[in-house]
């Protein structure tokens, strides 16, 4: 009886001391055997030939290293993960940064833009009555709260062997919604007109606008802003001036195939308000197919800062367009 009590006490002490000693210092592992079996427990000793483990169900076991295929240490992995910085510069984060950059620059690649190329004949009354050719490119895209629009135009014509038209312009507009119906915009413009003797006309606009109507059938926006203009005119020295702008635009879809657009702008130089600029454009576009359409455009450009018959430029353009 005393011998059994002694064995029980020593066994209990051994288990207690073993648990106490290994509870804080021993490592919890999972042994993976070559035959596919798994055994979990506390790793007590690990040698080159033998491994001693204290299993919850089987007790203390000493196993040959040759029987074990792999030792898995889940707690060590978890602690290692906890010791890692919260935002490590990993490859995945680098990929996310590149993806964000690609997403930001994607609008500038013109991949998903709506593109339309137009060719037409123009009749003009103003400095000279003439007939010439018109080439126009329009590209638009909307990305969440951003609207992008790029437009370029080239006019060229001859009358009895004499050049009557040689004009080019391009613009890029970005509108960003900042509140329901409220947006700000920037508009960068370039133009040149050999007939009006304007070698270079650069303008940068900044404005704030409000969209009064925003439905699928009708969109009406208006606003105001300021701009800076650099002009190189053959009749005068290069000049730079600031202007105050008022703008308005309408996009009205009468049916699935018929659409009317209209843009209006008046600009007043801050130094001399009598040298105002008016730009009015209206168009009616009829879809023939999904890709082809016919359009009639009226354009009025009046610049009171120019002299004589260079001030007014009116155009009535009939054209055929191709969307792609």
Protein backbone atom coordinates (compact mmCIF):
# COMPACT_ATOMS: atom_id res chain seq x y z
CA UNK A 1 0.00 0.00 0.00
CA UNK A 2 2.79 2.41 0.91
CA UNK A 3 4.60 1.44 -2.26
CA UNK A 4 1.52 2.19 -4.43
CA UNK A 5 1.01 5.49 -2.61
CA UNK A 6 4.65 6.36 -3.22
CA UNK A 7 4.36 5.54 -6.93
CA UNK A 8 1.13 7.58 -7.22
CA UNK A 9 2.68 10.57 -5.44
CA UNK A 10 5.87 10.45 -7.50
CA UNK A 11 3.87 10.06 -10.72
CA UNK A 12 1.68 13.00 -9.80
CA UNK A 13 4.68 15.09 -8.88
CA UNK A 14 6.31 14.12 -12.16
CA UNK A 15 3.27 15.13 -14.18
CA UNK A 16 2.90 18.36 -12.15
CA UNK A 17 6.54 19.30 -12.51
CA UNK A 18 6.51 18.23 -16.12
CA UNK A 19 3.46 20.38 -16.84
CA UNK A 20 4.85 23.27 -14.83
CA UNK A 21 8.23 23.03 -16.50
CA UNK A 22 6.92 22.61 -20.01
CA UNK A 23 3.79 24.72 -19.79
CA UNK A 24 5.75 27.94 -20.17
CA UNK A 25 8.85 26.68 -21.94
CA UNK A 26 7.67 23.66 -23.93
CA UNK A 27 6.37 24.11 -27.43
CA UNK A 28 3.06 22.83 -28.70
CA UNK A 29 3.62 20.91 -31.91
CA UNK A 30 1.87 18.58 -34.35
CA UNK A 31 3.84 15.54 -35.54
CA UNK A 32 3.15 14.40 -39.09
CA UNK A 33 4.14 10.75 -39.64
CA UNK A 34 5.21 9.15 -42.88
CA UNK A 35 2.05 7.00 -42.98
CA UNK A 36 -0.18 10.10 -42.79
CA UNK A 37 -1.03 10.01 -39.05
CA UNK A 38 -0.94 13.13 -36.90
CA UNK A 39 -0.17 13.54 -33.21
CA UNK A 40 -0.34 16.78 -31.21
CA UNK A 41 1.22 17.55 -27.83
CA UNK A 42 3.94 19.39 -25.95
CA UNK A 43 7.46 18.89 -27.25
CA UNK A 44 9.63 17.98 -24.24
CA UNK A 45 12.89 16.98 -25.89
CA UNK A 46 14.12 17.10 -29.47
CA UNK A 47 17.30 15.30 -30.38
CA UNK A 48 18.94 14.15 -33.55
CA UNK A 49 17.55 10.60 -33.23
CA UNK A 50 14.70 10.79 -30.65
CA UNK A 51 11.80 13.12 -29.94
CA UNK A 52 9.90 13.16 -26.64
CA UNK A 53 6.34 14.48 -26.64
CA UNK A 54 3.66 14.71 -23.96
CA UNK A 55 0.35 13.87 -25.60
CA UNK A 56 -2.92 14.80 -23.93
CA UNK A 57 -4.41 11.37 -24.61
CA UNK A 58 -1.39 9.06 -24.83
CA UNK A 59 0.85 10.68 -22.22
CA UNK A 60 4.60 10.90 -22.54
CA UNK A 61 6.02 9.26 -25.63
CA UNK A 62 9.52 8.89 -27.01
CA UNK A 63 9.58 8.44 -30.77
CA UNK A 64 12.24 7.76 -33.36
CA UNK A 65 13.01 10.65 -35.65
CA UNK A 66 12.89 8.36 -38.67
CA UNK A 67 9.15 7.78 -38.11
CA UNK A 68 8.35 11.50 -38.29
CA UNK A 69 8.01 13.22 -41.64
CA UNK A 70 7.46 16.78 -40.41
CA UNK A 71 7.08 18.81 -37.19
CA UNK A 72 4.46 21.54 -37.42
CA UNK A 73 4.71 24.42 -34.92
CA UNK A 74 1.46 26.43 -35.17
CA UNK A 75 2.08 28.64 -32.12
CA UNK A 76 5.49 29.62 -33.36
CA UNK A 77 3.99 30.71 -36.68
CA UNK A 78 1.26 32.68 -34.93
CA UNK A 79 3.74 34.45 -32.68
CA UNK A 80 5.97 35.16 -35.66
CA UNK A 81 3.01 36.69 -37.48
CA UNK A 82 2.23 38.83 -34.42
CA UNK A 83 5.80 40.09 -34.29
CA UNK A 84 5.61 41.26 -37.90
CA UNK A 85 4.90 44.97 -38.44
CA UNK A 86 1.26 45.85 -39.00
CA UNK A 87 1.92 47.24 -42.49
CA UNK A 88 4.94 45.37 -43.91
CA UNK A 89 6.21 46.42 -47.32
CA UNK A 90 5.20 43.13 -48.95
CA UNK A 91 4.87 42.32 -52.61
CA UNK A 92 1.08 42.28 -52.32
CA UNK A 93 1.01 45.84 -50.97
CA UNK A 94 3.31 46.87 -53.81
CA UNK A 95 0.91 45.32 -56.28
CA UNK A 96 -1.99 47.16 -54.64
CA UNK A 97 -0.10 50.44 -54.98
CA UNK A 98 0.59 49.77 -58.65
CA UNK A 99 -3.06 48.83 -59.20
CA UNK A 100 -4.16 52.10 -57.59
CA UNK A 101 -1.76 54.05 -59.80
CA UNK A 102 -2.98 52.24 -62.92
CA UNK A 103 -6.59 52.95 -61.92
CA UNK A 104 -5.75 56.65 -61.48
CA UNK A 105 -3.99 56.93 -64.84
CA UNK A 106 -6.37 54.69 -66.80
CA UNK A 107 -8.61 57.60 -67.93
CA UNK A 108 -5.59 59.11 -69.68
CA UNK A 109 -4.98 55.95 -71.77
CA UNK A 110 -8.29 56.46 -73.66
CA UNK A 111 -9.11 52.73 -73.42
CA UNK A 112 -12.73 53.01 -72.29
CA UNK A 113 -13.52 56.44 -73.70
CA UNK A 114 -16.44 57.12 -76.04
CA UNK A 115 -14.75 58.33 -79.22
CA UNK A 116 -16.32 60.05 -82.22
CA UNK A 117 -14.63 61.20 -85.42
CA UNK A 118 -16.47 63.68 -87.65
CA UNK A 119 -15.94 64.93 -91.17
CA UNK A 120 -18.01 67.65 -92.80
CA UNK A 121 -18.38 70.58 -95.13
CA UNK A 122 -18.58 74.15 -93.81
CA UNK A 123 -20.25 77.29 -95.13
CA UNK A 124 -19.04 80.47 -93.48
CA UNK A 125 -20.07 84.12 -93.55
CA UNK A 126 -17.81 86.72 -92.00
CA UNK A 127 -14.48 87.95 -93.22
CA UNK A 128 -14.85 85.79 -96.34
CA UNK A 129 -17.63 83.67 -97.79
CA UNK A 130 -16.23 80.26 -98.43
CA UNK A 131 -16.59 76.52 -98.36
CA UNK A 132 -14.07 74.37 -96.58
CA UNK A 133 -13.49 71.04 -94.84
CA UNK A 134 -13.98 70.25 -91.17
CA UNK A 135 -12.38 67.48 -89.12
CA UNK A 136 -13.47 66.99 -85.51
CA UNK A 137 -12.59 64.48 -82.77
CA UNK A 138 -14.59 64.15 -79.56
CA UNK A 139 -13.80 61.80 -76.67
CA UNK A 140 -15.66 61.51 -73.37
CA UNK A 141 -15.60 59.34 -70.28
CA UNK A 142 -17.13 59.30 -66.81
CA UNK A 143 -15.41 57.63 -63.84
CA UNK A 144 -17.46 57.81 -60.64
CA UNK A 145 -17.49 61.54 -59.75
CA UNK A 146 -15.20 62.58 -62.61
CA UNK A 147 -16.14 63.59 -66.16
CA UNK A 148 -13.47 63.91 -68.83
CA UNK A 149 -13.90 65.47 -72.28
CA UNK A 150 -11.33 65.98 -75.02
CA UNK A 151 -12.15 67.85 -78.23
CA UNK A 152 -10.02 68.80 -81.21
CA UNK A 153 -10.90 70.41 -84.53
CA UNK A 154 -9.09 71.29 -87.72
CA UNK A 155 -10.54 73.47 -90.51
CA UNK A 156 -8.92 73.89 -93.88
CA UNK A 157 -10.13 75.26 -97.20
CA UNK A 158 -9.16 76.96 -100.42
CA UNK A 159 -11.10 79.23 -102.77
CA UNK A 160 -9.83 79.60 -106.32
CA UNK A 161 -6.40 78.39 -105.28
CA UNK A 162 -6.19 80.78 -102.35
CA UNK A 163 -6.17 79.46 -98.80
CA UNK A 164 -9.28 80.63 -97.03
CA UNK A 165 -9.24 78.56 -93.85
CA UNK A 166 -6.47 77.20 -91.69
CA UNK A 167 -7.64 76.93 -88.10
CA UNK A 168 -6.99 74.39 -85.35
CA UNK A 169 -7.99 74.11 -81.72
CA UNK A 170 -8.07 71.55 -78.92
CA UNK A 171 -9.44 71.45 -75.37
CA UNK A 172 -9.44 69.13 -72.39
CA UNK A 173 -12.07 69.54 -69.67
CA UNK A 174 -12.27 67.79 -66.31
CA UNK A 175 -15.34 68.07 -64.11
CA UNK A 176 -15.45 66.68 -60.57
CA UNK A 177 -18.64 66.40 -58.51
CA UNK A 178 -18.15 67.70 -54.96
CA UNK A 179 -21.80 67.62 -53.83
CA UNK A 180 -25.18 66.68 -55.33
CA UNK A 181 -25.44 68.91 -58.40
CA UNK A 182 -22.30 70.91 -57.56
CA UNK A 183 -19.03 70.49 -59.46
CA UNK A 184 -15.77 72.25 -60.17
CA UNK A 185 -13.99 72.10 -63.49
CA UNK A 186 -10.75 72.91 -65.25
CA UNK A 187 -10.52 73.52 -68.97
CA UNK A 188 -7.28 73.75 -70.95
CA UNK A 189 -7.52 75.22 -74.46
CA UNK A 190 -5.20 75.73 -77.42
CA UNK A 191 -6.01 77.40 -80.74
CA UNK A 192 -4.34 79.00 -83.75
CA UNK A 193 -5.82 80.74 -86.79
CA UNK A 194 -3.65 81.72 -89.74
CA UNK A 195 -6.40 83.70 -91.45
CA UNK A 196 -7.03 85.80 -88.32
CA UNK A 197 -3.26 86.08 -87.86
CA UNK A 198 -3.29 84.43 -84.43
CA UNK A 199 -0.20 82.24 -84.08
CA UNK A 200 -0.96 81.02 -80.57
CA UNK A 201 -3.82 81.26 -78.11
CA UNK A 202 -3.46 79.36 -74.82
CA UNK A 203 -6.06 79.50 -72.07
CA UNK A 204 -6.54 77.82 -68.70
CA UNK A 205 -9.93 78.04 -66.99
CA UNK A 206 -11.07 77.23 -63.48
CA UNK A 207 -14.74 77.29 -62.58
CA UNK A 208 -17.50 76.24 -60.20
CA UNK A 209 -20.85 75.08 -61.54
CA UNK A 210 -24.25 73.70 -60.64
CA UNK A 211 -26.23 71.04 -62.51
CA UNK A 212 -29.85 72.21 -62.35
CA UNK A 213 -31.22 69.20 -64.24
CA UNK A 214 -29.53 65.82 -64.36
CA UNK A 215 -31.73 63.15 -65.92
CA UNK A 216 -31.25 60.59 -68.68
CA UNK A 217 -33.12 62.81 -71.15
CA UNK A 218 -31.96 66.30 -70.13
CA UNK A 219 -28.86 67.77 -68.51
CA UNK A 220 -28.57 71.50 -67.80
CA UNK A 221 -25.50 73.03 -66.15
CA UNK A 222 -24.29 76.57 -65.56
CA UNK A 223 -21.48 78.23 -63.63
CA UNK A 224 -18.75 80.86 -63.45
CA UNK A 225 -15.00 81.00 -63.12
CA UNK A 226 -11.76 82.74 -64.01
CA UNK A 227 -9.17 82.07 -66.67
CA UNK A 228 -5.76 83.19 -67.83
CA UNK A 229 -5.04 83.68 -71.53
CA UNK A 230 -1.76 83.98 -73.42
CA UNK A 231 -2.11 85.25 -76.99
CA UNK A 232 0.52 85.71 -79.70
CA UNK A 233 -1.01 87.87 -82.43
CA UNK A 234 0.84 88.97 -85.58
CA UNK A 235 -0.73 92.43 -85.35
CA UNK A 236 0.34 93.11 -81.75
CA UNK A 237 2.81 92.03 -79.08
CA UNK A 238 2.29 88.85 -77.10
CA UNK A 239 -0.03 89.54 -74.18
CA UNK A 240 -1.35 87.80 -71.09
CA UNK A 241 -4.58 88.71 -69.37
CA UNK A 242 -7.11 87.44 -66.85
CA UNK A 243 -10.78 86.90 -67.72
CA UNK A 244 -14.02 86.34 -65.84
CA UNK A 245 -16.14 83.52 -67.33
CA UNK A 246 -19.83 82.61 -67.39
CA UNK A 247 -20.74 79.27 -68.98
CA UNK A 248 -23.81 77.13 -69.66
CA UNK A 249 -24.37 73.82 -71.45
CA UNK A 250 -27.38 71.67 -72.36
CA UNK A 251 -27.61 68.05 -73.47
CA UNK A 252 -31.14 67.08 -74.50
CA UNK A 253 -32.01 63.66 -75.90
CA UNK A 254 -35.31 63.90 -77.75
CA UNK A 255 -35.38 60.19 -78.59
CA UNK A 256 -33.06 57.23 -78.82
CA UNK A 257 -31.71 58.52 -82.16
CA UNK A 258 -32.07 62.30 -81.92
CA UNK A 259 -30.01 64.53 -79.63
CA UNK A 260 -29.51 68.30 -79.24
CA UNK A 261 -26.48 69.87 -77.53
CA UNK A 262 -25.70 73.51 -76.81
CA UNK A 263 -22.75 75.31 -75.19
CA UNK A 264 -22.48 79.01 -74.38
CA UNK A 265 -19.67 81.07 -72.88
CA UNK A 266 -18.99 84.75 -72.36
CA UNK A 267 -15.60 85.95 -71.10
CA UNK A 268 -14.77 89.46 -69.88
CA UNK A 269 -11.17 90.64 -69.49
CA UNK A 270 -10.69 92.12 -66.02
CA UNK A 271 -8.68 95.03 -67.38
CA UNK A 272 -10.96 96.04 -70.29
CA UNK A 273 -14.47 94.60 -70.05
CA UNK A 274 -15.50 95.97 -73.46
CA UNK A 275 -13.14 93.46 -75.15
CA UNK A 276 -15.49 90.57 -74.38
CA UNK A 277 -15.55 87.17 -76.02
CA UNK A 278 -18.71 85.18 -76.93
CA UNK A 279 -18.65 81.52 -77.92
CA UNK A 280 -21.96 79.84 -78.83
CA UNK A 281 -22.28 76.30 -80.21
CA UNK A 282 -25.39 74.24 -80.97
CA UNK A 283 -25.76 70.89 -82.69
CA UNK A 284 -28.41 68.37 -83.67
CA UNK A 285 -27.17 64.79 -84.05
CA UNK A 286 -29.19 61.94 -85.59
CA UNK A 287 -28.00 58.35 -85.24
CA UNK A 288 -28.14 56.26 -88.41
CA UNK A 289 -26.63 53.12 -86.92
CA UNK A 290 -24.81 52.38 -83.69
CA UNK A 291 -21.61 53.73 -85.25
CA UNK A 292 -22.72 56.28 -87.88
CA UNK A 293 -24.60 59.55 -87.41
CA UNK A 294 -25.43 62.80 -89.19
CA UNK A 295 -25.08 66.20 -87.53
CA UNK A 296 -25.75 69.88 -88.19
CA UNK A 297 -23.72 72.36 -86.15
CA UNK A 298 -23.96 76.12 -85.77
CA UNK A 299 -21.01 77.98 -84.24
CA UNK A 300 -20.63 81.65 -83.46
CA UNK A 301 -17.35 83.07 -82.18
CA UNK A 302 -17.20 86.80 -81.53
CA UNK A 303 -14.06 88.36 -80.06
CA UNK A 304 -14.33 92.11 -79.54
CA UNK A 305 -10.63 92.36 -78.70
CA UNK A 306 -9.75 91.72 -82.36
CA UNK A 307 -9.90 94.36 -85.03
CA UNK A 308 -12.39 94.84 -87.85
CA UNK A 309 -13.61 91.84 -89.75
CA UNK A 310 -11.50 89.48 -87.61
CA UNK A 311 -13.98 89.72 -84.74
CA UNK A 312 -16.82 87.54 -86.00
CA UNK A 313 -16.69 83.95 -87.19
CA UNK A 314 -19.92 82.06 -87.98
CA UNK A 315 -20.08 78.50 -89.25
CA UNK A 316 -22.85 76.15 -90.29
CA UNK A 317 -21.47 72.62 -90.55
CA UNK A 318 -23.15 69.49 -91.83
CA UNK A 319 -21.13 66.38 -91.12
CA UNK A 320 -21.10 62.63 -90.86
CA UNK A 321 -19.67 61.05 -87.71
CA UNK A 322 -18.27 57.66 -86.78
CA UNK A 323 -18.27 56.43 -83.16
CA UNK A 324 -15.80 53.80 -81.96
